[in-house]
Every structure is written in C-alpha cells, then in structure tokens.
Amino acid sequence: MNFLKYIAAVATVALCSPVILFGAVPAWADGHEITECDQLVSHGEDPDRVAPGVSPVLLFAGEAACREAVAKDPENMRLRYQLARVLFYAEKTEESMPHLNFAAEAGSEQAQFVLGYITDGGLQGVKKDTCKVEDLWVRSARQGRFAARVSYPRHVANGKFKGCDIQASSSEIMSFLDAAKGQADGYYQEILVEQVTETYSVSDHAN
C-alpha cells in the first residue's frame, strides 16, 4: 500500500469513527479566545491550535461554526485554515482553497504543508504544481512543521522538484532532518526520519 492509499484508508476509518480529541493544547494558547470552530475543527498537529485536535471533523456543525468565526475575524489565519479544512472534507473544494491559500500566505505552517500536500497529489481536482509544493514545504519546514521537514527532503532526494528553484541548501535540508529527529513522536516516526535521512544523504553525495 503506497503512502497516499494509506492516508486515504486512515481518513476513511476516521470518518466512520466516533469523534476523537487528540493533542495537548500548546501552553501559549492560554488567553486566546477559543471559538466553537476551534473546538470542532482543530487539527491535532497544527501548532497554532488553541483547542485539542478533533478527528473526524463534524462537517455540518464544524462548517457552521467556522463560517461564523471567520465572519467575525476574517484576518485570523488559524480560523481560515480550519474553515478550509472542514470545507475540503465536505468536498467543497473551490470554496475551501481560497481560505487555505490565505492561511498559507499569512504564515500558517500547517496550511502551508496541507496546501502543498493537496497540490502535490492533485487531490479533489486541484491542479498539480510541483514548484508551488516546493515553495510551500520549504516555508513550512523552516517554521518547524515535522511533516514538511520530512516530506521536503524526500521529494528533493527523489528528484520530484527537478526544474524548480530549490530554495534550501544541502546543509539546511540536513538541518530539517536533524530537527525532525528530535520531533519524532514514537518508533515509526523515528524510522521514517532515519530512512529519509539515508535516502537524502545518498542522493546528495551522488550529485
């Protein structure tokens, strides 16, 4: 089973399961207004979340709550990402993408990674754009997103960004992987980082 099929399988299971709350709320989130949108749609790996992550997202209640929250605070990149998230799950792709792009451009490392992931896979008919993925993932990796720090070097090593302006040097890419090693949560993530590090090291020496 390839990676995309694995993710799809996990998503399918999640959509058929009871709501699960996961991920401790960052300490700095204290004092931030926690909206109903946060409570219903937060992603457990989003560093900007102010409430525990939710899986699966409650589509109807989550969409209504996030629409209301964004209407009150349209410049809030966290809320715009969350609205994009619930709309994308509801397959309202055309409406989702402007919110996701806004959050990514505003500096959300989670939105940057997710937008890159969607664009890389051409999910729900989104146009593939390899060089856009390169730009999004290097920005996300620089901000600290674990998934970007692993996915970006892997794509570079596999030549998937060939023809793009590779923005990170070899030393910076290795720094992403070194940092990801410290962020790895459990045995399988540790193995993943080790494998990508080895793959990138071999490809870098071959160039």
Foldseek 3Di string as FASTA:
>chain_A
DDPVVVVVVVLVVQVVDDKDFDADADPVLPPPDQFVLLVQQAQRQFNPRSGTHITPGPQPVNLVRLVVVCVVPVLDLRSLQRNLRSCVVVLVNVVSVVSLVSSLVVQRLVSLQVVLVCQCVCPSNNDHDQQSSLVSLVSSLVVPRLVSLLVNLQCVLVCVNPPHDNPDDPVVSVVSLVSSCVVQDDDVSNVSSVVSNVSSVVSVVVD
